[in-house]
Amino acid sequence: MYRMIDTIRRKIFAHSVVKNSAVLMAGSVVGNGLAYVYHLVMARILGPVQYGELGALISIYYIVNVPSGVIQNGLTKYFSILKARGDTGQAKQLYLTSITLLSVVSLMGFVVSLLIVRPLSRYLHIENHYTVLALYVSFATYFISVPMASVFGGFQKFVPMTVVANIGAVLRILYGAFAAYYGVFASICANIATNISTFLISLYPLRFLLKESTSPISVSRRKAVAYAAPMGVATLCATALYSFDVVMVKHYFSSFDAGLYSSLAVLGKIIFFASFALSSVMFPTIAERIEKGQTYKKMLFLGALFVAGVSSLITLLYFLFPAFTVQLLFGKSYEGAIEYLGLFGVFLSLVTVASYLTQSMLAAGETSVSYLLIAAAVSQILCISFFHDSIMSVIRVNIAVSAVLVVLLGLFSFRKAR
């Protein structure tokens, strides 16, 4: 009996997807725990009003940071292909070229950001314009580090990826806890310091690639752009589904209500990031299988069932213990969020499944999936613009839009996957 169990265990963990998912899942559990310690600390020090401001800025950060996700996924795909070919010379050249281009783009973006600082501050009712400018610098310092994460993902170096990410999460808590006593602007500056520190730490485990000699890149720029453009649209719309609602609530509701909604968004993202590990593993795995002409359909849908199962379990806990969950993480000042937690969990569960299916289809090169995401994002914005008489109305809009999206993505994936 023991031998049979041991044989099954070894066979299961011999599978790369299971093994890598286990590594990332363990890292994600630690990382997500640290992320929520950060929000717990910030929410309690800043209070609902200032935390509402920080929450809106973080949501804008997610939206502005979409190019990072697009570039990271695109580079991960190409690094996966180069890994399959055994061509580390091209991989190093691609990494160096990417770092250079992203640095130049970040500097150009800083000039553009100066033009929109005041209008955006007015829309969000933020008095200190420099806070919004600091938000861009926070984005830029993360943006430049994207090729590093792509190398780790493409070469399936998930252990150093999780270690570096969790070190960064610890630093974010330490820097943020100190800065929060000086307000929202200082809190954003603490994130800048975290990004710079994490970038420097990442250089050490990247030695396996940096020691290689470079060779000319054979990746077609035309194909890269043709792939990146619809991927960018799809990723932007997917991110908007769980981010732009927070921004709109900050605009339409009081600062206190916006703080309550931001706390819901943070708790909801526990669901999203609980299955993030599987999505991170599946993207390079599917890309590599496509390059080798292998099938992935069964693996794709087993993954979807896993994501749905994990999301449903956490949502059930939100329905059963809403008061305990809110008070544990945010305190009595956020008790107004208790009645909405279960339904907000339903919304984020649907978004999580939708995100998983979207990323899997993009990894397979099915970029036409972007049209479904565009329709969903536009529908959400329009519906919230008309139906925002209460927080419950916003949540119901979110659930309706994301439910329709999941059904359409499921049908699309079933037809396209092989």
Protein backbone atom coordinates (compact mmCIF):
# COMPACT_ATOMS: atom_id res chain seq x y z
CA MET A 1 0.00 0.00 0.00
CA TYR A 2 2.78 2.40 0.94
CA ARG A 3 4.66 1.59 -2.29
CA MET A 4 1.54 2.23 -4.37
CA ILE A 5 0.94 5.61 -2.73
CA ASP A 6 4.61 6.52 -3.12
CA THR A 7 4.54 5.51 -6.82
CA ILE A 8 1.44 7.61 -7.45
CA ARG A 9 3.01 10.55 -5.63
CA ARG A 10 6.21 10.33 -7.70
CA LYS A 11 4.29 10.06 -10.96
CA ILE A 12 2.14 13.05 -10.14
CA PHE A 13 5.04 15.29 -9.13
CA ALA A 14 7.13 14.09 -12.07
CA HIS A 15 4.70 15.99 -14.31
CA SER A 16 6.15 19.44 -14.96
CA VAL A 17 2.81 21.27 -14.75
CA VAL A 18 1.98 19.72 -11.36
CA LYS A 19 5.48 20.24 -9.98
CA ASN A 20 5.76 23.84 -11.18
CA SER A 21 2.22 24.61 -10.07
CA ALA A 22 3.06 23.26 -6.60
CA VAL A 23 6.13 25.50 -6.40
CA LEU A 24 4.22 28.57 -7.54
CA MET A 25 1.21 27.70 -5.40
CA ALA A 26 3.38 27.50 -2.29
CA GLY A 27 5.07 30.76 -3.24
CA SER A 28 1.72 32.37 -3.97
CA VAL A 29 0.30 31.36 -0.60
CA VAL A 30 3.22 33.09 1.12
CA GLY A 31 3.17 36.02 -1.29
CA ASN A 32 -0.57 36.56 -1.02
CA GLY A 33 -0.36 36.33 2.74
CA LEU A 34 2.31 39.03 2.72
CA ALA A 35 0.26 41.14 0.29
CA TYR A 36 -2.70 41.10 2.64
CA VAL A 37 -0.52 41.88 5.61
CA TYR A 38 0.51 44.96 3.62
CA HIS A 39 -3.10 45.99 3.01
CA LEU A 40 -4.03 45.24 6.61
CA VAL A 41 -1.23 47.48 7.85
CA MET A 42 -1.97 50.27 5.36
CA ALA A 43 -5.73 50.18 5.94
CA ARG A 44 -5.38 50.40 9.70
CA ILE A 45 -2.77 53.15 9.68
CA LEU A 46 -4.37 55.27 6.94
CA GLY A 47 -8.05 54.75 7.90
CA PRO A 48 -11.00 54.35 5.47
CA VAL A 49 -10.74 57.81 3.83
CA GLN A 50 -7.01 57.78 3.01
CA TYR A 51 -7.10 54.05 2.29
CA GLY A 52 -9.88 54.72 -0.23
CA GLU A 53 -7.51 57.12 -1.98
CA LEU A 54 -4.70 54.60 -1.92
CA GLY A 55 -7.05 51.86 -3.17
CA ALA A 56 -8.13 53.98 -6.15
CA LEU A 57 -4.51 54.75 -6.99
CA ILE A 58 -3.56 51.07 -6.76
CA SER A 59 -6.44 50.24 -9.12
CA ILE A 60 -5.17 52.82 -11.61
CA TYR A 61 -1.73 51.27 -11.18
CA TYR A 62 -3.16 47.90 -12.22
CA ILE A 63 -4.69 49.46 -15.35
CA VAL A 64 -1.60 51.49 -16.26
CA ASN A 65 0.49 48.41 -15.58
CA VAL A 66 -1.33 46.42 -18.29
CA PRO A 67 1.52 46.97 -20.79
CA SER A 68 3.79 45.24 -18.29
CA GLY A 69 1.57 42.18 -18.29
CA VAL A 70 1.29 42.20 -22.07
CA ILE A 71 5.03 42.51 -22.58
CA GLN A 72 5.73 39.94 -19.87
CA ASN A 73 3.39 37.39 -21.46
CA GLY A 74 4.72 38.12 -24.94
CA LEU A 75 8.33 37.81 -23.84
CA THR A 76 7.52 34.71 -21.79
CA LYS A 77 6.08 33.11 -24.91
CA TYR A 78 9.25 33.84 -26.92
CA PHE A 79 11.58 32.83 -24.08
CA SER A 80 9.59 29.56 -23.90
CA ILE A 81 10.16 29.03 -27.62
CA LEU A 82 13.90 29.77 -27.28
CA LYS A 83 14.06 27.39 -24.31
CA ALA A 84 12.45 24.67 -26.43
CA ARG A 85 15.09 25.33 -29.11
CA GLY A 86 17.93 25.44 -26.58
CA ASP A 87 19.02 28.89 -27.83
CA THR A 88 20.19 30.82 -24.75
CA GLY A 89 22.26 33.24 -26.84
CA GLN A 90 19.18 34.69 -28.51
CA ALA A 91 17.42 34.69 -25.14
CA LYS A 92 20.14 36.86 -23.60
CA GLN A 93 20.05 39.29 -26.54
CA LEU A 94 16.26 39.48 -26.32
CA TYR A 95 16.54 40.23 -22.60
CA LEU A 96 19.12 43.02 -23.04
CA THR A 97 17.22 44.58 -25.95
CA SER A 98 13.97 44.52 -23.97
CA ILE A 99 15.52 46.17 -20.90
CA THR A 100 16.95 48.98 -23.07
CA LEU A 101 13.72 49.66 -24.94
CA LEU A 102 11.57 49.64 -21.79
CA SER A 103 13.93 52.11 -20.10
CA VAL A 104 13.61 54.52 -23.02
CA VAL A 105 9.81 54.14 -23.12
CA SER A 106 9.61 54.79 -19.37
CA LEU A 107 11.49 58.07 -19.70
CA MET A 108 9.23 59.17 -22.55
CA GLY A 109 6.18 58.20 -20.54
CA PHE A 110 7.26 60.42 -17.66
CA VAL A 111 6.94 63.47 -19.90
CA VAL A 112 3.44 62.38 -20.96
CA SER A 113 2.42 61.75 -17.35
CA LEU A 114 3.09 65.42 -16.52
CA LEU A 115 0.21 66.37 -18.82
CA ILE A 116 -2.43 64.18 -17.14
CA VAL A 117 -1.49 64.56 -13.47
CA ARG A 118 -3.88 67.42 -12.70
CA PRO A 119 -6.95 66.13 -14.63
CA LEU A 120 -6.63 62.69 -13.04
CA SER A 121 -6.18 64.21 -9.57
CA ARG A 122 -9.39 66.20 -10.03
CA TYR A 123 -11.34 63.13 -11.23
CA LEU A 124 -10.29 61.17 -8.13
CA HIS A 125 -10.62 64.17 -5.78
CA ILE A 126 -6.95 63.95 -4.76
CA GLU A 127 -5.47 67.21 -3.50
CA ASN A 128 -1.76 66.39 -3.78
CA HIS A 129 -0.96 66.17 -7.52
CA TYR A 130 2.51 64.80 -6.79
CA THR A 131 0.88 61.62 -5.48
CA VAL A 132 -0.35 60.78 -8.99
CA LEU A 133 3.09 61.59 -10.43
CA ALA A 134 4.71 59.28 -7.87
CA LEU A 135 2.27 56.60 -9.02
CA TYR A 136 3.74 56.79 -12.54
CA VAL A 137 7.29 56.50 -11.19
CA SER A 138 6.17 53.43 -9.25
CA PHE A 139 4.86 51.95 -12.49
CA ALA A 140 8.04 52.83 -14.43
CA THR A 141 10.37 51.20 -11.89
CA TYR A 142 8.33 48.01 -12.14
CA PHE A 143 7.98 48.23 -15.94
CA ILE A 144 11.74 48.09 -16.48
CA SER A 145 11.99 44.83 -14.51
CA VAL A 146 9.43 42.97 -16.64
CA PRO A 147 12.00 41.11 -18.84
CA MET A 148 13.46 39.50 -15.71
CA ALA A 149 10.12 37.95 -14.76
CA SER A 150 9.67 36.83 -18.39
CA VAL A 151 13.01 35.04 -18.36
CA PHE A 152 12.11 33.20 -15.14
CA GLY A 153 8.70 32.25 -16.53
CA GLY A 154 9.87 31.29 -20.02
CA PHE A 155 12.71 29.13 -18.71
CA GLN A 156 10.36 27.79 -16.00
CA LYS A 157 12.66 28.96 -13.19
CA PHE A 158 9.77 29.18 -10.77
CA VAL A 159 11.74 28.79 -7.54
CA PRO A 160 13.84 31.96 -7.98
CA MET A 161 10.74 33.71 -9.34
CA THR A 162 8.78 33.03 -6.15
CA VAL A 163 11.71 33.75 -3.83
CA VAL A 164 12.39 37.16 -5.40
CA ALA A 165 8.68 38.03 -5.42
CA ASN A 166 8.28 37.19 -1.74
CA ILE A 167 11.39 39.13 -0.75
CA GLY A 168 9.85 42.09 -2.57
CA ALA A 169 6.58 41.56 -0.68
CA VAL A 170 8.40 41.66 2.67
CA LEU A 171 10.20 44.86 1.70
CA ARG A 172 6.90 46.39 0.59
CA ILE A 173 5.45 45.80 4.05
CA LEU A 174 8.48 47.21 5.85
CA TYR A 175 8.79 50.30 3.66
CA GLY A 176 5.01 50.81 3.55
CA ALA A 177 4.47 50.50 7.31
CA PHE A 178 6.98 53.27 7.90
CA ALA A 179 5.71 55.50 5.09
CA ALA A 180 1.97 55.17 5.89
CA TYR A 181 2.35 57.42 8.93
CA TYR A 182 3.28 60.22 6.53
CA GLY A 183 0.27 59.78 4.23
CA VAL A 184 -0.63 58.40 0.81
CA PHE A 185 2.15 60.17 -1.11
CA ALA A 186 4.82 58.62 1.11
CA SER A 187 3.12 55.23 0.75
CA ILE A 188 3.43 55.39 -3.04
CA CYS A 189 7.08 56.43 -2.71
CA ALA A 190 7.63 53.34 -0.55
CA ASN A 191 6.46 51.20 -3.47
CA ILE A 192 9.06 52.88 -5.68
CA ALA A 193 11.79 51.92 -3.19
CA THR A 194 10.44 48.35 -3.14
CA ASN A 195 10.54 48.05 -6.95
CA ILE A 196 14.13 49.28 -7.14
CA SER A 197 15.27 46.93 -4.36
CA THR A 198 13.55 43.93 -5.97
CA PHE A 199 15.11 44.72 -9.36
CA LEU A 200 18.60 44.67 -7.86
CA ILE A 201 17.92 41.42 -5.99
CA SER A 202 16.68 39.77 -9.21
CA LEU A 203 20.09 40.15 -10.86
CA TYR A 204 21.60 37.37 -8.75
CA PRO A 205 19.39 34.43 -9.85
CA LEU A 206 19.52 35.74 -13.45
CA ARG A 207 23.21 34.80 -13.68
CA PHE A 208 22.38 31.60 -15.57
CA LEU A 209 21.44 33.73 -18.59
CA LEU A 210 23.71 36.75 -18.20
CA LYS A 211 26.85 34.58 -18.36
CA GLU A 212 25.89 33.34 -21.86
CA SER A 213 27.20 34.90 -25.10
CA THR A 214 24.65 36.80 -27.16
CA SER A 215 23.50 35.86 -30.66
CA PRO A 216 21.28 37.74 -33.15
CA ILE A 217 17.52 37.63 -32.53
CA SER A 218 15.57 35.74 -35.18
CA VAL A 219 12.13 36.62 -33.78
CA SER A 220 10.01 38.36 -36.42
CA ARG A 221 9.08 41.87 -35.27
CA ARG A 222 5.98 41.82 -37.47
CA LYS A 223 4.75 38.60 -35.84
CA ALA A 224 5.60 39.95 -32.39
CA VAL A 225 3.57 43.12 -32.96
CA ALA A 226 0.71 41.18 -34.55
CA TYR A 227 0.61 39.02 -31.42
CA ALA A 228 1.20 41.79 -28.87
CA ALA A 229 -1.47 44.24 -30.08
CA PRO A 230 -4.56 42.05 -29.50
CA MET A 231 -2.93 40.60 -26.39
CA GLY A 232 -2.55 44.12 -25.05
CA VAL A 233 -6.21 44.87 -25.68
CA ALA A 234 -7.33 41.61 -24.06
CA THR A 235 -5.11 42.10 -20.99
CA LEU A 236 -6.19 45.73 -20.61
CA CYS A 237 -9.86 44.78 -20.68
CA ALA A 238 -9.37 41.82 -18.33
CA THR A 239 -7.55 44.06 -15.85
CA ALA A 240 -10.22 46.75 -16.16
CA LEU A 241 -12.87 44.24 -15.07
CA TYR A 242 -11.42 44.03 -11.55
CA SER A 243 -9.83 47.48 -11.35
CA PHE A 244 -11.82 50.20 -13.10
CA ASP A 245 -14.88 49.59 -10.93
CA VAL A 246 -12.79 50.75 -7.93
CA VAL A 247 -11.84 53.94 -9.80
CA MET A 248 -15.47 54.64 -10.76
CA VAL A 249 -16.65 54.07 -7.18
CA LYS A 250 -14.03 56.59 -6.01
CA HIS A 251 -15.52 59.09 -8.48
CA TYR A 252 -19.25 58.46 -7.84
CA PHE A 253 -19.31 57.68 -4.10
CA SER A 254 -18.09 59.32 -0.91
CA SER A 255 -14.50 58.83 0.21
CA PHE A 256 -15.70 56.61 3.07
CA ASP A 257 -17.73 54.35 0.75
CA ALA A 258 -14.79 54.23 -1.65
CA GLY A 259 -12.66 52.99 1.24
CA LEU A 260 -15.17 50.23 1.99
CA TYR A 261 -15.23 49.20 -1.68
CA SER A 262 -11.43 49.18 -1.80
CA SER A 263 -11.41 46.75 1.13
CA LEU A 264 -13.80 44.49 -0.82
CA ALA A 265 -11.51 44.68 -3.84
CA VAL A 266 -8.54 43.59 -1.72
CA LEU A 267 -10.46 40.66 -0.21
CA GLY A 268 -11.76 39.72 -3.65
CA LYS A 269 -8.25 39.56 -5.04
CA ILE A 270 -7.49 36.77 -2.57
CA ILE A 271 -9.64 34.66 -4.89
CA PHE A 272 -7.88 35.93 -7.99
CA PHE A 273 -4.36 35.34 -6.74
CA ALA A 274 -5.15 31.99 -5.08
CA SER A 275 -5.15 30.39 -8.54
CA PHE A 276 -2.66 32.76 -10.15
CA ALA A 277 0.06 30.13 -9.83
CA LEU A 278 -1.70 27.78 -12.23
CA SER A 279 -2.20 30.53 -14.83
CA SER A 280 1.48 31.46 -14.58
CA VAL A 281 2.53 27.86 -15.18
CA MET A 282 0.02 27.17 -17.93
CA PHE A 283 1.04 30.13 -20.11
CA PRO A 284 4.64 29.01 -20.88
CA THR A 285 3.58 25.34 -20.83
CA ILE A 286 0.91 25.83 -23.51
CA ALA A 287 3.25 28.04 -25.56
CA GLU A 288 5.92 25.33 -25.45
CA ARG A 289 3.41 22.61 -26.39
CA ILE A 290 2.22 24.66 -29.37
CA GLU A 291 5.84 25.04 -30.53
CA LYS A 292 6.32 21.26 -30.29
CA GLY A 293 2.99 20.45 -31.96
CA GLN A 294 1.49 18.82 -28.86
CA THR A 295 -2.11 18.94 -27.59
CA TYR A 296 -3.26 20.85 -24.50
CA LYS A 297 -7.09 20.77 -24.49
CA LYS A 298 -7.53 18.28 -21.63
CA MET A 299 -4.93 20.07 -19.52
CA LEU A 300 -6.64 23.41 -20.19
CA PHE A 301 -10.05 22.31 -18.97
CA LEU A 302 -8.74 20.41 -15.94
CA GLY A 303 -7.02 23.66 -15.00
CA ALA A 304 -10.28 25.57 -15.45
CA LEU A 305 -12.04 23.15 -13.08
CA PHE A 306 -9.27 23.62 -10.52
CA VAL A 307 -9.51 27.43 -10.76
CA ALA A 308 -13.30 27.32 -10.44
CA GLY A 309 -13.07 24.96 -7.46
CA VAL A 310 -10.58 27.06 -5.51
CA SER A 311 -12.51 30.26 -6.26
CA SER A 312 -15.82 28.71 -5.19
CA LEU A 313 -14.35 27.45 -1.92
CA ILE A 314 -13.04 30.89 -0.91
CA THR A 315 -16.33 32.53 -1.95
CA LEU A 316 -18.25 30.04 0.22
CA LEU A 317 -16.09 31.04 3.18
CA TYR A 318 -16.92 34.69 2.46
CA PHE A 319 -20.64 33.90 2.59
CA LEU A 320 -20.27 31.90 5.81
CA PHE A 321 -17.87 34.18 7.72
CA PRO A 322 -18.10 37.71 6.27
CA ALA A 323 -17.90 39.59 9.58
CA PHE A 324 -14.92 37.57 10.81
CA THR A 325 -13.06 38.06 7.50
CA VAL A 326 -13.58 41.82 7.25
CA GLN A 327 -12.84 42.55 10.90
CA LEU A 328 -9.79 40.30 10.97
CA LEU A 329 -8.10 42.04 8.06
CA PHE A 330 -9.43 45.58 8.23
CA GLY A 331 -10.97 46.17 11.66
CA LYS A 332 -14.29 47.57 12.84
CA SER A 333 -13.93 50.75 10.78
CA TYR A 334 -14.75 48.66 7.68
CA GLU A 335 -17.85 46.84 9.05
CA GLY A 336 -19.96 48.44 6.31
CA ALA A 337 -18.33 46.09 3.79
CA ILE A 338 -19.57 42.91 5.52
CA GLU A 339 -22.95 42.70 3.76
CA TYR A 340 -21.33 42.84 0.31
CA LEU A 341 -18.45 40.39 0.75
CA GLY A 342 -20.13 37.16 -0.41
CA LEU A 343 -21.49 38.62 -3.64
CA PHE A 344 -18.21 40.39 -4.33
CA GLY A 345 -16.58 36.98 -4.01
CA VAL A 346 -18.92 35.66 -6.72
CA PHE A 347 -17.83 38.51 -8.99
CA LEU A 348 -14.11 37.89 -8.47
CA SER A 349 -14.57 34.13 -8.88
CA LEU A 350 -16.07 34.71 -12.32
CA VAL A 351 -13.31 37.17 -13.22
CA THR A 352 -10.68 34.64 -12.09
CA VAL A 353 -12.05 31.91 -14.36
CA ALA A 354 -12.34 34.40 -17.22
CA SER A 355 -8.75 35.53 -16.73
CA TYR A 356 -7.46 31.94 -16.70
CA LEU A 357 -9.25 31.07 -19.96
CA THR A 358 -8.09 34.32 -21.57
CA GLN A 359 -4.44 33.77 -20.68
CA SER A 360 -4.58 30.17 -21.88
CA MET A 361 -6.03 31.19 -25.24
CA LEU A 362 -3.46 33.95 -25.64
CA ALA A 363 -0.68 31.46 -24.90
CA ALA A 364 -2.11 29.30 -27.70
CA GLY A 365 -2.00 32.29 -30.07
CA GLU A 366 -5.80 32.71 -30.20
CA THR A 367 -5.72 36.51 -30.06
CA SER A 368 -9.29 36.92 -31.36
CA VAL A 369 -10.34 36.29 -27.75
CA SER A 370 -9.68 40.02 -27.27
CA TYR A 371 -13.04 40.90 -28.85
CA LEU A 372 -14.91 39.20 -26.01
CA LEU A 373 -12.88 41.11 -23.43
CA ILE A 374 -13.49 44.44 -25.19
CA ALA A 375 -17.25 43.87 -25.13
CA ALA A 376 -17.18 42.94 -21.44
CA ALA A 377 -15.06 45.91 -20.33
CA VAL A 378 -17.15 48.44 -22.29
CA SER A 379 -20.38 46.91 -20.96
CA GLN A 380 -19.14 47.14 -17.38
CA ILE A 381 -18.17 50.81 -17.69
CA LEU A 382 -21.44 51.78 -19.38
CA CYS A 383 -23.61 49.88 -16.93
CA ILE A 384 -21.86 51.29 -13.84
CA SER A 385 -22.19 54.78 -15.35
CA PHE A 386 -25.98 54.30 -15.41
CA PHE A 387 -26.48 52.08 -12.36
CA HIS A 388 -24.50 53.39 -9.39
CA ASP A 389 -27.15 54.29 -6.84
CA SER A 390 -25.50 51.94 -4.32
CA ILE A 391 -22.50 49.66 -3.87
CA MET A 392 -24.82 46.67 -4.31
CA SER A 393 -25.88 47.97 -7.73
CA VAL A 394 -22.24 48.14 -8.83
CA ILE A 395 -21.59 44.59 -7.62
CA ARG A 396 -24.66 43.25 -9.44
CA VAL A 397 -23.49 44.88 -12.66
CA ASN A 398 -20.07 43.29 -12.20
CA ILE A 399 -21.57 39.83 -11.64
CA ALA A 400 -23.85 40.04 -14.68
CA VAL A 401 -21.09 41.17 -17.05
CA SER A 402 -18.50 38.67 -15.81
CA ALA A 403 -20.98 35.74 -15.87
CA VAL A 404 -21.81 36.32 -19.53
CA LEU A 405 -18.08 36.65 -20.28
CA VAL A 406 -17.24 33.31 -18.63
CA VAL A 407 -19.91 31.51 -20.68
CA LEU A 408 -18.66 33.01 -23.94
CA LEU A 409 -15.01 32.33 -23.10
CA GLY A 410 -15.86 28.72 -22.23
CA LEU A 411 -17.52 28.20 -25.60
CA PHE A 412 -14.64 29.95 -27.39
CA SER A 413 -12.00 27.85 -25.61
CA PHE A 414 -13.84 24.58 -26.26
CA ARG A 415 -13.98 25.36 -29.97
CA LYS A 416 -10.41 26.63 -30.37
CA ALA A 417 -8.36 24.40 -28.05
CA ARG A 418 -6.80 21.26 -29.52
